[in-house]
Amino acid sequence: MPFPEQGYSVDLYNEDYTGMLSNFIPFKELGNDFVDIFEGHRRLERLEKIFGKKGTLLDIGCGPGNLACVARERGWHAMGLEINEGSACFARKINKVEVVVGKIQDYTALWIGRFDVVHFNQVLEHTYDPSSFLKAVRQVIICLLKKTNRHT
């Protein structure tokens, strides 16, 4: 499968995706059986068991901000990163989620070691440079595993 051309994601999500904004439903009106909400609770519950705590979460490609809302309800500090300004605006104004617009590579230097969890679902396949994307994700996530010195 070929990689998308540079600029593909920005063009796609600024044209086609913006027309879907009228389909967004405010988080407070969604039930726990709504798939995004159900899956969000399930994923965060699993992370809470693994880490034994709640922490900071970045949701890349956050759309209307549903996962960040679920995380906030569960006691996490969550924010979103979205490539589409219209989606980010909905998340900020309607769902009261902290969201910035752009790509993870745009914020890497500012966010080094800031997040316990970085979530991205159905995002990687839309990136022009998956390697650069994953390197940026690695830089903003807090290393949860202690490194050991093998020579001692």
N, C-alpha and C. Protein backbone atom coordinates (compact mmCIF):
# COMPACT_ATOMS: atom_id res chain seq x y z
N MET A 1 0.84 -1.18 0.00
CA MET A 1 0.00 0.00 0.00
C MET A 1 0.89 1.24 0.00
N PRO A 2 0.71 2.13 -0.92
CA PRO A 2 1.55 3.34 -0.97
C PRO A 2 1.17 4.32 0.14
N PHE A 3 2.13 5.12 0.55
CA PHE A 3 1.89 6.16 1.54
C PHE A 3 1.16 7.32 0.88
N PRO A 4 0.35 8.03 1.67
CA PRO A 4 -0.31 9.21 1.11
C PRO A 4 0.72 10.26 0.70
N GLU A 5 0.38 11.06 -0.29
CA GLU A 5 1.27 12.13 -0.71
C GLU A 5 1.30 13.22 0.35
N GLN A 6 2.38 13.97 0.38
CA GLN A 6 2.50 15.07 1.33
C GLN A 6 1.34 16.05 1.12
N GLY A 7 0.71 16.44 2.20
CA GLY A 7 -0.42 17.35 2.14
C GLY A 7 -1.76 16.65 2.02
N TYR A 8 -1.75 15.33 1.78
CA TYR A 8 -2.99 14.56 1.60
C TYR A 8 -3.92 14.70 2.80
N SER A 9 -3.41 14.49 3.99
CA SER A 9 -4.25 14.53 5.19
C SER A 9 -4.85 15.90 5.40
N VAL A 10 -4.06 16.92 5.24
CA VAL A 10 -4.57 18.28 5.43
C VAL A 10 -5.68 18.57 4.44
N ASP A 11 -5.46 18.22 3.16
CA ASP A 11 -6.49 18.44 2.14
C ASP A 11 -7.75 17.64 2.44
N LEU A 12 -7.58 16.37 2.75
CA LEU A 12 -8.72 15.49 3.02
C LEU A 12 -9.54 16.00 4.19
N TYR A 13 -8.88 16.33 5.27
CA TYR A 13 -9.61 16.70 6.48
C TYR A 13 -10.06 18.15 6.49
N ASN A 14 -9.62 18.93 5.57
CA ASN A 14 -10.13 20.29 5.47
C ASN A 14 -11.30 20.38 4.49
N GLU A 15 -11.44 19.40 3.60
CA GLU A 15 -12.52 19.44 2.62
C GLU A 15 -13.63 18.45 3.01
N ASP A 16 -13.38 17.18 2.87
CA ASP A 16 -14.40 16.16 3.08
C ASP A 16 -14.88 16.09 4.54
N TYR A 17 -13.95 16.12 5.45
CA TYR A 17 -14.27 15.90 6.86
C TYR A 17 -15.09 17.05 7.44
N THR A 18 -14.85 18.26 6.98
CA THR A 18 -15.58 19.41 7.51
C THR A 18 -17.08 19.26 7.26
N GLY A 19 -17.48 18.64 6.17
CA GLY A 19 -18.89 18.42 5.90
C GLY A 19 -19.56 17.50 6.90
N MET A 20 -18.77 16.71 7.61
CA MET A 20 -19.31 15.78 8.60
C MET A 20 -19.54 16.44 9.96
N LEU A 21 -19.12 17.68 10.14
CA LEU A 21 -19.24 18.33 11.44
C LEU A 21 -20.67 18.38 11.93
N SER A 22 -21.61 18.49 11.02
CA SER A 22 -23.01 18.56 11.43
C SER A 22 -23.48 17.24 12.03
N ASN A 23 -22.71 16.17 11.82
CA ASN A 23 -23.04 14.87 12.40
C ASN A 23 -22.51 14.69 13.82
N PHE A 24 -21.65 15.59 14.27
CA PHE A 24 -21.11 15.47 15.62
C PHE A 24 -22.20 15.73 16.65
N ILE A 25 -22.19 14.94 17.70
CA ILE A 25 -23.15 15.08 18.79
C ILE A 25 -22.38 15.47 20.03
N PRO A 26 -22.85 16.47 20.78
CA PRO A 26 -22.15 16.84 22.01
C PRO A 26 -21.99 15.64 22.94
N PHE A 27 -20.85 15.55 23.59
CA PHE A 27 -20.52 14.42 24.46
C PHE A 27 -21.60 14.18 25.50
N LYS A 28 -22.10 15.25 26.11
CA LYS A 28 -23.08 15.09 27.20
C LYS A 28 -24.39 14.47 26.71
N GLU A 29 -24.60 14.44 25.39
CA GLU A 29 -25.82 13.85 24.83
C GLU A 29 -25.62 12.40 24.39
N LEU A 30 -24.37 11.92 24.44
CA LEU A 30 -24.08 10.55 24.02
C LEU A 30 -24.24 9.61 25.21
N GLY A 31 -24.74 8.43 24.95
CA GLY A 31 -24.85 7.43 26.02
C GLY A 31 -23.60 6.58 26.10
N ASN A 32 -23.45 5.86 27.21
CA ASN A 32 -22.29 4.99 27.38
C ASN A 32 -22.26 3.83 26.40
N ASP A 33 -23.38 3.58 25.71
CA ASP A 33 -23.39 2.51 24.72
C ASP A 33 -22.90 2.99 23.35
N PHE A 34 -22.71 4.31 23.18
CA PHE A 34 -22.13 4.84 21.95
C PHE A 34 -20.71 4.29 21.83
N VAL A 35 -20.36 3.75 20.69
CA VAL A 35 -19.11 2.99 20.55
C VAL A 35 -17.88 3.78 21.00
N ASP A 36 -17.77 5.05 20.64
CA ASP A 36 -16.60 5.83 21.06
C ASP A 36 -16.50 5.93 22.58
N ILE A 37 -17.64 6.07 23.24
CA ILE A 37 -17.66 6.22 24.69
C ILE A 37 -17.36 4.88 25.35
N PHE A 38 -18.02 3.83 24.90
CA PHE A 38 -17.79 2.49 25.43
C PHE A 38 -16.33 2.09 25.28
N GLU A 39 -15.80 2.26 24.07
CA GLU A 39 -14.39 1.90 23.82
C GLU A 39 -13.43 2.77 24.62
N GLY A 40 -13.76 4.05 24.77
CA GLY A 40 -12.91 4.94 25.57
C GLY A 40 -12.81 4.48 27.00
N HIS A 41 -13.93 4.15 27.60
CA HIS A 41 -13.93 3.64 28.98
C HIS A 41 -13.12 2.35 29.08
N ARG A 42 -13.34 1.46 28.12
CA ARG A 42 -12.64 0.16 28.12
C ARG A 42 -11.12 0.34 28.01
N ARG A 43 -10.70 1.19 27.10
CA ARG A 43 -9.25 1.41 26.92
C ARG A 43 -8.63 2.07 28.14
N LEU A 44 -9.31 3.08 28.68
CA LEU A 44 -8.76 3.78 29.85
C LEU A 44 -8.76 2.90 31.08
N GLU A 45 -9.77 2.08 31.24
CA GLU A 45 -9.80 1.14 32.38
C GLU A 45 -8.59 0.20 32.32
N ARG A 46 -8.30 -0.28 31.11
CA ARG A 46 -7.14 -1.16 30.92
C ARG A 46 -5.85 -0.43 31.28
N LEU A 47 -5.70 0.80 30.83
CA LEU A 47 -4.50 1.58 31.15
C LEU A 47 -4.39 1.85 32.65
N GLU A 48 -5.50 2.15 33.29
CA GLU A 48 -5.48 2.41 34.73
C GLU A 48 -5.04 1.17 35.50
N LYS A 49 -5.43 -0.01 35.05
CA LYS A 49 -4.99 -1.26 35.69
C LYS A 49 -3.49 -1.47 35.49
N ILE A 50 -3.01 -1.20 34.29
CA ILE A 50 -1.59 -1.39 33.99
C ILE A 50 -0.72 -0.41 34.79
N PHE A 51 -1.09 0.87 34.78
CA PHE A 51 -0.26 1.90 35.39
C PHE A 51 -0.55 2.11 36.86
N GLY A 52 -1.73 1.70 37.30
CA GLY A 52 -2.11 1.90 38.69
C GLY A 52 -2.43 3.35 39.02
N LYS A 53 -2.66 4.15 38.01
CA LYS A 53 -2.97 5.57 38.23
C LYS A 53 -3.62 6.15 36.99
N LYS A 54 -4.08 7.37 37.15
CA LYS A 54 -4.57 8.15 36.02
C LYS A 54 -3.54 9.23 35.77
N GLY A 55 -3.41 9.66 34.55
CA GLY A 55 -2.36 10.62 34.26
C GLY A 55 -2.75 11.59 33.17
N THR A 56 -1.80 11.86 32.28
CA THR A 56 -2.01 12.80 31.19
C THR A 56 -2.15 12.02 29.88
N LEU A 57 -3.10 12.46 29.06
CA LEU A 57 -3.38 11.76 27.82
C LEU A 57 -3.47 12.76 26.68
N LEU A 58 -2.83 12.42 25.58
CA LEU A 58 -2.95 13.17 24.33
C LEU A 58 -3.66 12.28 23.34
N ASP A 59 -4.76 12.76 22.77
CA ASP A 59 -5.49 12.02 21.75
C ASP A 59 -5.23 12.69 20.41
N ILE A 60 -4.43 12.03 19.58
CA ILE A 60 -4.09 12.56 18.26
C ILE A 60 -5.20 12.16 17.28
N GLY A 61 -5.71 13.13 16.55
CA GLY A 61 -6.84 12.88 15.67
C GLY A 61 -8.12 12.79 16.49
N CYS A 62 -8.26 13.70 17.43
CA CYS A 62 -9.32 13.62 18.45
C CYS A 62 -10.72 13.89 17.92
N GLY A 63 -10.86 14.44 16.71
CA GLY A 63 -12.19 14.72 16.19
C GLY A 63 -12.96 15.61 17.16
N PRO A 64 -14.17 15.19 17.55
CA PRO A 64 -14.98 16.02 18.44
C PRO A 64 -14.54 15.98 19.91
N GLY A 65 -13.53 15.16 20.21
CA GLY A 65 -12.99 15.14 21.57
C GLY A 65 -13.63 14.14 22.51
N ASN A 66 -14.29 13.11 21.98
CA ASN A 66 -15.00 12.16 22.84
C ASN A 66 -14.07 11.41 23.80
N LEU A 67 -12.93 10.94 23.31
CA LEU A 67 -12.03 10.21 24.21
C LEU A 67 -11.52 11.13 25.32
N ALA A 68 -11.19 12.35 24.98
CA ALA A 68 -10.73 13.30 26.00
C ALA A 68 -11.82 13.56 27.03
N CYS A 69 -13.07 13.59 26.61
CA CYS A 69 -14.18 13.77 27.56
C CYS A 69 -14.31 12.57 28.48
N VAL A 70 -14.19 11.37 27.93
CA VAL A 70 -14.25 10.16 28.75
C VAL A 70 -13.10 10.18 29.75
N ALA A 71 -11.91 10.51 29.27
CA ALA A 71 -10.73 10.56 30.16
C ALA A 71 -10.94 11.58 31.28
N ARG A 72 -11.44 12.73 30.92
CA ARG A 72 -11.70 13.77 31.92
C ARG A 72 -12.69 13.27 32.97
N GLU A 73 -13.75 12.59 32.55
CA GLU A 73 -14.73 12.02 33.47
C GLU A 73 -14.09 11.03 34.43
N ARG A 74 -13.06 10.33 33.96
CA ARG A 74 -12.41 9.30 34.77
C ARG A 74 -11.27 9.87 35.62
N GLY A 75 -11.03 11.17 35.52
CA GLY A 75 -10.01 11.78 36.36
C GLY A 75 -8.66 12.00 35.71
N TRP A 76 -8.57 11.83 34.41
CA TRP A 76 -7.34 12.08 33.67
C TRP A 76 -7.28 13.56 33.27
N HIS A 77 -6.06 14.04 33.01
CA HIS A 77 -5.90 15.34 32.34
C HIS A 77 -5.70 14.99 30.86
N ALA A 78 -6.65 15.40 30.03
CA ALA A 78 -6.60 15.00 28.62
C ALA A 78 -6.69 16.21 27.72
N MET A 79 -6.01 16.09 26.59
CA MET A 79 -6.11 17.11 25.55
C MET A 79 -6.08 16.44 24.19
N GLY A 80 -6.49 17.16 23.17
CA GLY A 80 -6.53 16.61 21.84
C GLY A 80 -5.64 17.36 20.88
N LEU A 81 -5.27 16.67 19.83
CA LEU A 81 -4.54 17.25 18.70
C LEU A 81 -5.33 16.85 17.46
N GLU A 82 -5.71 17.84 16.67
CA GLU A 82 -6.58 17.59 15.53
C GLU A 82 -6.08 18.38 14.33
N ILE A 83 -6.11 17.77 13.16
CA ILE A 83 -5.64 18.45 11.96
C ILE A 83 -6.71 19.36 11.36
N ASN A 84 -7.97 19.10 11.69
CA ASN A 84 -9.08 19.86 11.12
C ASN A 84 -9.57 20.92 12.10
N GLU A 85 -9.52 22.17 11.69
CA GLU A 85 -9.91 23.29 12.56
C GLU A 85 -11.37 23.21 12.99
N GLY A 86 -12.25 22.79 12.10
CA GLY A 86 -13.66 22.69 12.44
C GLY A 86 -13.91 21.68 13.55
N SER A 87 -13.27 20.52 13.46
CA SER A 87 -13.40 19.51 14.51
C SER A 87 -12.84 20.01 15.82
N ALA A 88 -11.68 20.65 15.75
CA ALA A 88 -11.05 21.18 16.96
C ALA A 88 -11.95 22.23 17.60
N CYS A 89 -12.56 23.06 16.80
CA CYS A 89 -13.46 24.10 17.31
C CYS A 89 -14.66 23.46 18.01
N PHE A 90 -15.24 22.42 17.44
CA PHE A 90 -16.35 21.71 18.07
C PHE A 90 -15.91 21.13 19.42
N ALA A 91 -14.75 20.48 19.42
CA ALA A 91 -14.24 19.88 20.67
C ALA A 91 -14.04 20.95 21.74
N ARG A 92 -13.48 22.10 21.34
CA ARG A 92 -13.23 23.18 22.31
C ARG A 92 -14.52 23.82 22.79
N LYS A 93 -15.37 24.23 21.86
CA LYS A 93 -16.55 25.02 22.22
C LYS A 93 -17.68 24.19 22.80
N ILE A 94 -17.95 23.06 22.22
CA ILE A 94 -19.10 22.24 22.63
C ILE A 94 -18.71 21.26 23.74
N ASN A 95 -17.60 20.55 23.55
CA ASN A 95 -17.20 19.52 24.52
C ASN A 95 -16.20 20.02 25.56
N LYS A 96 -15.79 21.29 25.44
CA LYS A 96 -14.89 21.92 26.44
C LYS A 96 -13.59 21.14 26.63
N VAL A 97 -13.03 20.70 25.51
CA VAL A 97 -11.77 19.95 25.51
C VAL A 97 -10.64 20.88 25.06
N GLU A 98 -9.52 20.79 25.71
CA GLU A 98 -8.33 21.52 25.27
C GLU A 98 -7.80 20.83 24.01
N VAL A 99 -7.83 21.55 22.89
CA VAL A 99 -7.41 20.98 21.62
C VAL A 99 -6.55 21.99 20.87
N VAL A 100 -5.47 21.49 20.27
CA VAL A 100 -4.66 22.32 19.39
C VAL A 100 -4.75 21.74 17.98
N VAL A 101 -4.50 22.58 17.00
CA VAL A 101 -4.59 22.18 15.60
C VAL A 101 -3.19 22.02 15.04
N GLY A 102 -3.00 20.94 14.31
CA GLY A 102 -1.72 20.70 13.65
C GLY A 102 -1.34 19.24 13.68
N LYS A 103 -0.04 19.01 13.45
CA LYS A 103 0.51 17.65 13.46
C LYS A 103 1.40 17.50 14.70
N ILE A 104 1.59 16.30 15.14
CA ILE A 104 2.41 16.04 16.33
C ILE A 104 3.82 16.60 16.14
N GLN A 105 4.33 16.54 14.93
CA GLN A 105 5.68 17.05 14.68
C GLN A 105 5.78 18.55 14.94
N ASP A 106 4.66 19.26 14.85
CA ASP A 106 4.64 20.71 15.10
C ASP A 106 4.83 21.04 16.58
N TYR A 107 4.55 20.09 17.45
CA TYR A 107 4.54 20.35 18.89
C TYR A 107 5.57 19.55 19.68
N THR A 108 6.34 18.73 19.01
CA THR A 108 7.26 17.83 19.69
C THR A 108 8.18 18.56 20.66
N ALA A 109 8.84 19.61 20.22
CA ALA A 109 9.80 20.32 21.08
C ALA A 109 9.11 20.91 22.32
N LEU A 110 7.90 21.35 22.16
CA LEU A 110 7.15 21.95 23.26
C LEU A 110 6.65 20.91 24.26
N TRP A 111 6.40 19.70 23.79
CA TRP A 111 5.75 18.68 24.62
C TRP A 111 6.66 17.53 25.04
N ILE A 112 7.96 17.65 24.94
CA ILE A 112 8.85 16.53 25.28
C ILE A 112 8.54 16.01 26.68
N GLY A 113 8.28 14.69 26.75
CA GLY A 113 8.02 14.04 28.03
C GLY A 113 6.80 14.51 28.78
N ARG A 114 5.79 15.01 28.10
CA ARG A 114 4.63 15.61 28.77
C ARG A 114 3.49 14.63 29.06
N PHE A 115 3.33 13.57 28.26
CA PHE A 115 2.15 12.73 28.35
C PHE A 115 2.47 11.31 28.83
N ASP A 116 1.57 10.80 29.69
CA ASP A 116 1.68 9.40 30.11
C ASP A 116 1.21 8.47 28.99
N VAL A 117 0.20 8.91 28.27
CA VAL A 117 -0.40 8.10 27.20
C VAL A 117 -0.61 8.98 25.97
N VAL A 118 -0.25 8.45 24.82
CA VAL A 118 -0.57 9.08 23.55
C VAL A 118 -1.43 8.09 22.78
N HIS A 119 -2.64 8.51 22.46
CA HIS A 119 -3.60 7.65 21.77
C HIS A 119 -3.79 8.17 20.35
N PHE A 120 -3.78 7.26 19.40
CA PHE A 120 -4.14 7.62 18.03
C PHE A 120 -4.79 6.40 17.39
N ASN A 121 -6.00 6.60 16.91
CA ASN A 121 -6.78 5.52 16.32
C ASN A 121 -7.17 5.95 14.91
N GLN A 122 -6.84 5.12 13.94
CA GLN A 122 -7.10 5.40 12.54
C GLN A 122 -6.42 6.71 12.10
N VAL A 123 -5.17 6.87 12.51
CA VAL A 123 -4.40 8.06 12.19
C VAL A 123 -3.14 7.70 11.39
N LEU A 124 -2.43 6.70 11.85
CA LEU A 124 -1.12 6.37 11.27
C LEU A 124 -1.20 6.14 9.76
N GLU A 125 -2.25 5.48 9.32
CA GLU A 125 -2.36 5.17 7.89
C GLU A 125 -2.60 6.41 7.03
N HIS A 126 -2.91 7.53 7.67
CA HIS A 126 -3.13 8.77 6.94
C HIS A 126 -1.92 9.70 6.96
N THR A 127 -0.85 9.29 7.61
CA THR A 127 0.31 10.16 7.73
C THR A 127 1.22 10.02 6.51
N TYR A 128 1.80 11.14 6.13
CA TYR A 128 2.72 11.17 5.00
C TYR A 128 4.02 10.45 5.35
N ASP A 129 4.48 10.62 6.60
CA ASP A 129 5.75 10.06 7.04
C ASP A 129 5.55 9.35 8.38
N PRO A 130 5.11 8.06 8.35
CA PRO A 130 4.82 7.34 9.59
C PRO A 130 6.01 7.27 10.54
N SER A 131 7.21 7.15 10.01
CA SER A 131 8.40 7.08 10.86
C SER A 131 8.59 8.37 11.67
N SER A 132 8.45 9.50 11.01
CA SER A 132 8.56 10.79 11.68
C SER A 132 7.45 10.95 12.71
N PHE A 133 6.24 10.52 12.36
CA PHE A 133 5.11 10.58 13.28
C PHE A 133 5.40 9.78 14.55
N LEU A 134 5.85 8.53 14.39
CA LEU A 134 6.12 7.68 15.55
C LEU A 134 7.29 8.19 16.39
N LYS A 135 8.29 8.75 15.76
CA LYS A 135 9.40 9.35 16.52
C LYS A 135 8.90 10.52 17.36
N ALA A 136 8.02 11.32 16.79
CA ALA A 136 7.46 12.46 17.53
C ALA A 136 6.63 11.97 18.71
N VAL A 137 5.83 10.93 18.49
CA VAL A 137 5.03 10.36 19.58
C VAL A 137 5.95 9.88 20.69
N ARG A 138 7.00 9.20 20.32
CA ARG A 138 7.95 8.67 21.32
C ARG A 138 8.56 9.81 22.15
N GLN A 139 8.79 10.95 21.54
CA GLN A 139 9.41 12.06 22.26
C GLN A 139 8.46 12.72 23.25
N VAL A 140 7.17 12.72 22.98
CA VAL A 140 6.25 13.42 23.88
C VAL A 140 5.72 12.52 24.99
N ILE A 141 5.94 11.23 24.88
CA ILE A 141 5.44 10.31 25.90
C ILE A 141 6.48 10.15 27.01
N ILE A 142 5.97 10.07 28.23
CA ILE A 142 6.84 9.85 29.39
C ILE A 142 7.25 8.39 29.37
N CYS A 143 8.52 8.14 29.55
CA CYS A 143 9.00 6.76 29.59
C CYS A 143 8.56 6.14 30.91
N LEU A 144 7.69 5.13 30.85
CA LEU A 144 7.14 4.53 32.06
C LEU A 144 7.98 3.37 32.58
N LEU A 145 8.85 2.86 31.76
CA LEU A 145 9.68 1.74 32.18
C LEU A 145 11.07 2.22 32.52
N LYS A 146 11.54 1.83 33.70
CA LYS A 146 12.88 2.24 34.11
C LYS A 146 13.91 1.43 33.33
N LYS A 147 14.92 2.13 32.86
CA LYS A 147 16.01 1.45 32.17
C LYS A 147 17.01 0.96 33.21
N THR A 148 17.56 -0.21 32.96
CA THR A 148 18.56 -0.75 33.88
C THR A 148 19.90 -0.75 33.21
N ASN A 149 20.94 -0.59 33.99
CA ASN A 149 22.29 -0.64 33.47
C ASN A 149 22.72 -2.09 33.44
N ARG A 150 22.92 -2.65 32.28
CA ARG A 150 23.26 -4.05 32.13
C ARG A 150 24.70 -4.35 32.52
N HIS A 151 25.50 -3.31 32.69
CA HIS A 151 26.92 -3.51 32.97
C HIS A 151 27.23 -3.51 34.46
N THR A 152 26.23 -3.40 35.32
CA THR A 152 26.50 -3.40 36.75
C THR A 152 26.00 -4.65 37.42
